[in-house]
Amino acid sequence: MPLSGLCRPCVLLIVALGLGAQDAKPAPAQKPIQASAQAPAPAWPVPPGWGHETIPFPLDFAPELKHQGVEELRFMPGFFDPASPNRWSYAFLWKLSDAELPSRAQLESELVLYFKGLCTEVGGKKFKMDPTRFASTLSQKDRGTFEGRADLYDAFKTGEPISLRLEIRAWSAEGHAFVAFIAAPVSASPEVRKALDSCLSQIPTMPIPPRNP
C-alpha cells in the first residue's frame, strides 16, 4: 500500500522504525562468564539413614546466642525414639563469622542457653521442666578440644531428665570459626560414639583427627 493511503500517525511510525533500523548498532558480544578460581568447599556428607537440618543464626529457639552463621545437624537413626540405643545421639556444627574461637566458659554458658531454649521451644507446653536443671560443665583437653556434659530434658518425647556427654572441637578456617559437637546420652555405647566421631571427621575443614572415645 502506498504511504499516501495511510493515516499520518502510521506514516510517522513507519518512518521512525526505518530510521531506527538504519541507526541501530549490533549489540556488543557478551564476555563469557568466568568460572570462579576457587571451587566452593564440599558439603558435610550426611551418612545413609541419618536425619539432617541446617538452621541460620540467630537461632529462633536461642536468640540470646549472638552469632552470625549457620548450624548444621546430623541425627542418628532413632534419635527421637526413647527405646532406641541411638536416642538423642547427634552431631552438630556451628559455622560462625566470629573472629575468635569461643572459650570454655563461653561454651558452657552458651550450651545452657542452647539446650534450655531448645527444650522450652519443643516441650515447654507439654512437660514441666525445672529451669535450674539446665547446666553444662566442660573441661578443656587441649587447644580447641573440650569434653563434658549437659543436663537437660527429653523435650521431644518423654519430658524426663536426660544427661548428654559432649565432645567439642573448635578451629578457624576460611575466615570462619567452626565449633563441632558430639552429643549423646552418658549411657550411649562406644559404637554410637564411634559413629558420631566418624560423621564429624567428614567435615571438610576439620583439621583435628577423630579421637577414639
Protein backbone atom coordinates (compact mmCIF):
# COMPACT_ATOMS: atom_id res chain seq x y z
CA MET A 1 0.00 0.00 0.00
CA PRO A 2 1.44 3.46 -0.85
CA LEU A 3 2.20 5.74 2.10
CA SER A 4 -0.33 8.29 0.77
CA GLY A 5 -3.09 5.85 1.66
CA LEU A 6 -2.09 5.64 5.32
CA CYS A 7 -3.04 7.92 8.17
CA ARG A 8 -0.43 10.42 9.28
CA PRO A 9 0.41 8.68 12.61
CA CYS A 10 1.02 5.41 10.76
CA VAL A 11 3.36 7.13 8.28
CA LEU A 12 5.35 8.71 11.10
CA LEU A 13 5.64 5.35 12.87
CA ILE A 14 6.91 3.58 9.72
CA VAL A 15 9.48 6.32 9.08
CA ALA A 16 10.69 6.22 12.68
CA LEU A 17 11.08 2.45 12.58
CA GLY A 18 13.01 2.68 9.34
CA LEU A 19 15.39 5.29 10.69
CA GLY A 20 15.84 3.27 13.87
CA ALA A 21 16.75 0.19 11.86
CA GLN A 22 19.40 2.15 9.93
CA ASP A 23 20.91 3.70 13.05
CA ALA A 24 20.81 0.54 15.17
CA LYS A 25 24.20 -0.88 16.05
CA PRO A 26 24.79 -4.54 16.73
CA ALA A 27 24.86 -5.35 20.43
CA PRO A 28 28.37 -5.91 21.72
CA ALA A 29 29.25 -9.53 22.25
CA GLN A 30 28.93 -10.53 25.89
CA LYS A 31 32.00 -11.78 27.62
CA PRO A 32 31.73 -15.38 28.72
CA ILE A 33 31.16 -15.88 32.43
CA GLN A 34 34.39 -16.93 34.03
CA ALA A 35 34.28 -19.79 36.50
CA SER A 36 35.39 -18.93 39.99
CA ALA A 37 39.04 -19.65 40.55
CA GLN A 38 38.21 -21.13 43.96
CA ALA A 39 35.76 -24.02 44.00
CA PRO A 40 33.24 -23.98 46.86
CA ALA A 41 34.04 -26.19 49.81
CA PRO A 42 32.30 -29.58 49.61
CA ALA A 43 29.29 -30.08 51.86
CA TRP A 44 29.44 -32.07 55.08
CA PRO A 45 28.18 -35.52 53.99
CA VAL A 46 25.04 -36.99 55.54
CA PRO A 47 25.51 -40.68 56.46
CA PRO A 48 22.90 -43.03 54.94
CA GLY A 49 19.73 -43.14 57.00
CA TRP A 50 20.64 -40.14 59.14
CA GLY A 51 18.49 -37.03 59.50
CA HIS A 52 19.89 -33.59 58.83
CA GLU A 53 18.95 -29.94 59.15
CA THR A 54 20.51 -26.51 58.59
CA ILE A 55 19.42 -23.55 60.73
CA PRO A 56 20.63 -19.94 60.37
CA PHE A 57 21.84 -17.88 63.31
CA PRO A 58 20.39 -16.26 65.29
CA LEU A 59 18.57 -19.44 66.30
CA ASP A 60 14.84 -18.99 66.80
CA PHE A 61 14.86 -21.06 69.99
CA ALA A 62 18.00 -19.42 71.42
CA PRO A 63 18.20 -15.81 70.20
CA GLU A 64 20.47 -14.96 73.12
CA LEU A 65 23.34 -16.58 71.21
CA LYS A 66 24.76 -13.53 69.46
CA HIS A 67 26.32 -15.28 66.49
CA GLN A 68 26.05 -14.93 62.74
CA GLY A 69 26.34 -18.04 60.61
CA VAL A 70 24.63 -21.41 60.38
CA GLU A 71 24.12 -24.56 62.43
CA GLU A 72 24.24 -27.90 60.63
CA LEU A 73 22.92 -31.03 62.35
CA ARG A 74 23.26 -34.77 61.71
CA PHE A 75 20.86 -37.04 63.64
CA MET A 76 21.47 -40.75 64.07
CA PRO A 77 18.60 -43.09 63.11
CA GLY A 78 16.30 -43.47 66.12
CA PHE A 79 17.21 -40.07 67.58
CA PHE A 80 13.59 -39.38 68.61
CA ASP A 81 12.81 -42.94 69.79
CA PRO A 82 13.14 -43.33 73.59
CA ALA A 83 13.70 -47.08 73.14
CA SER A 84 16.47 -46.70 70.55
CA PRO A 85 20.14 -47.08 71.52
CA ASN A 86 20.69 -44.00 69.33
CA ARG A 87 18.22 -41.74 71.14
CA TRP A 88 19.41 -38.14 71.49
CA SER A 89 22.63 -39.02 69.63
CA TYR A 90 23.70 -36.43 67.10
CA ALA A 91 26.48 -34.25 65.79
CA PHE A 92 26.15 -30.57 65.05
CA LEU A 93 28.36 -27.84 63.66
CA TRP A 94 28.37 -24.09 64.16
CA LYS A 95 29.94 -22.23 61.25
CA LEU A 96 30.31 -18.70 62.55
CA SER A 97 31.57 -15.34 61.36
CA ASP A 98 33.22 -14.79 64.75
CA ALA A 99 36.80 -13.58 64.66
CA GLU A 100 37.80 -15.60 67.73
CA LEU A 101 37.10 -19.13 68.92
CA PRO A 102 34.89 -19.48 72.00
CA SER A 103 36.45 -20.12 75.38
CA ARG A 104 35.49 -22.96 77.71
CA ALA A 105 33.44 -20.60 79.90
CA GLN A 106 31.66 -19.15 76.86
CA LEU A 107 30.77 -22.60 75.55
CA GLU A 108 29.40 -23.66 78.94
CA SER A 109 27.19 -20.59 79.10
CA GLU A 110 26.02 -20.87 75.50
CA LEU A 111 25.19 -24.57 75.79
CA VAL A 112 22.90 -23.83 78.72
CA LEU A 113 21.09 -21.21 76.65
CA TYR A 114 21.03 -23.56 73.66
CA PHE A 115 19.53 -26.61 75.39
CA LYS A 116 17.23 -24.60 77.64
CA GLY A 117 15.86 -22.75 74.62
CA LEU A 118 15.53 -25.93 72.58
CA CYS A 119 13.69 -27.85 75.29
CA THR A 120 11.40 -24.93 76.10
CA GLU A 121 10.56 -24.39 72.44
CA VAL A 122 9.86 -28.08 71.78
CA GLY A 123 8.29 -29.29 75.00
CA GLY A 124 7.58 -26.26 77.15
CA LYS A 125 3.81 -26.62 76.68
CA LYS A 126 3.78 -30.41 77.11
CA PHE A 127 6.12 -31.03 80.03
CA LYS A 128 7.01 -29.39 83.31
CA MET A 129 10.73 -28.61 83.35
CA ASP A 130 12.78 -27.11 86.17
CA PRO A 131 14.80 -24.21 84.71
CA THR A 132 17.55 -24.75 87.28
CA ARG A 133 18.28 -28.24 85.94
CA PHE A 134 19.79 -26.94 82.73
CA ALA A 135 23.55 -26.98 83.17
CA SER A 136 26.76 -27.55 81.23
CA THR A 137 30.17 -28.47 82.57
CA LEU A 138 33.23 -28.68 80.33
CA SER A 139 36.93 -29.36 80.71
CA GLN A 140 39.50 -28.31 78.13
CA LYS A 141 41.70 -31.18 76.93
CA ASP A 142 43.95 -29.11 74.66
CA ARG A 143 43.66 -26.13 72.33
CA GLY A 144 40.25 -26.28 70.68
CA THR A 145 39.19 -29.58 72.29
CA PHE A 146 36.69 -29.88 75.13
CA GLU A 147 34.76 -32.63 76.91
CA GLY A 148 31.94 -32.56 79.38
CA ARG A 149 28.22 -32.99 79.88
CA ALA A 150 24.93 -31.16 79.61
CA ASP A 151 21.89 -31.72 81.82
CA LEU A 152 18.51 -31.13 80.18
CA TYR A 153 15.19 -32.86 79.40
CA ASP A 154 13.90 -35.15 76.66
CA ALA A 155 11.54 -32.46 75.44
CA PHE A 156 10.68 -34.37 72.26
CA LYS A 157 9.03 -37.48 73.69
CA THR A 158 9.09 -38.22 77.42
CA GLY A 159 9.82 -34.99 79.29
CA GLU A 160 12.21 -36.94 81.52
CA PRO A 161 15.60 -35.59 82.62
CA ILE A 162 18.49 -36.63 80.42
CA SER A 163 22.22 -36.00 80.56
CA LEU A 164 24.39 -35.85 77.46
CA ARG A 165 28.10 -36.47 77.19
CA LEU A 166 29.68 -33.81 74.98
CA GLU A 167 32.81 -33.73 72.85
CA ILE A 168 33.65 -30.42 71.21
CA ARG A 169 36.28 -29.31 68.71
CA ALA A 170 36.84 -25.71 67.65
CA TRP A 171 39.08 -24.33 64.89
CA SER A 172 39.39 -21.48 62.42
CA ALA A 173 39.31 -21.88 58.62
CA GLU A 174 38.22 -19.93 55.55
CA GLY A 175 37.66 -16.82 57.64
CA HIS A 176 35.16 -18.56 59.93
CA ALA A 177 35.12 -20.05 63.41
CA PHE A 178 33.97 -23.67 63.39
CA VAL A 179 32.66 -25.41 66.51
CA ALA A 180 31.73 -29.08 66.13
CA PHE A 181 29.81 -31.04 68.77
CA ILE A 182 29.12 -34.68 69.51
CA ALA A 183 26.20 -35.17 71.89
CA ALA A 184 24.83 -38.49 73.15
CA PRO A 185 23.44 -39.80 76.44
CA VAL A 186 26.07 -40.63 79.04
CA SER A 187 24.95 -44.26 78.72
CA ALA A 188 25.47 -44.39 74.94
CA SER A 189 27.56 -47.31 73.70
CA PRO A 190 31.08 -46.98 72.27
CA GLU A 191 29.62 -47.90 68.86
CA VAL A 192 27.32 -44.86 68.96
CA ARG A 193 30.16 -42.52 69.84
CA LYS A 194 32.37 -44.07 67.17
CA ALA A 195 29.67 -43.47 64.54
CA LEU A 196 29.28 -39.85 65.66
CA ASP A 197 33.03 -39.32 65.63
CA SER A 198 33.24 -40.75 62.12
CA CYS A 199 30.47 -38.40 60.98
CA LEU A 200 32.26 -35.41 62.50
CA SER A 201 35.54 -36.33 60.81
CA GLN A 202 33.86 -35.82 57.42
CA ILE A 203 33.53 -32.06 57.92
CA PRO A 204 35.61 -30.68 55.02
CA THR A 205 37.57 -28.14 57.08
CA MET A 206 38.12 -30.42 60.09
CA PRO A 207 41.84 -30.22 60.98
CA ILE A 208 41.69 -32.35 64.12
CA PRO A 209 41.69 -36.13 63.59
CA PRO A 210 38.90 -38.03 65.34
CA ARG A 211 39.72 -39.46 68.73
CA ASN A 212 38.60 -42.84 69.96
CA PRO A 213 36.10 -42.49 72.82
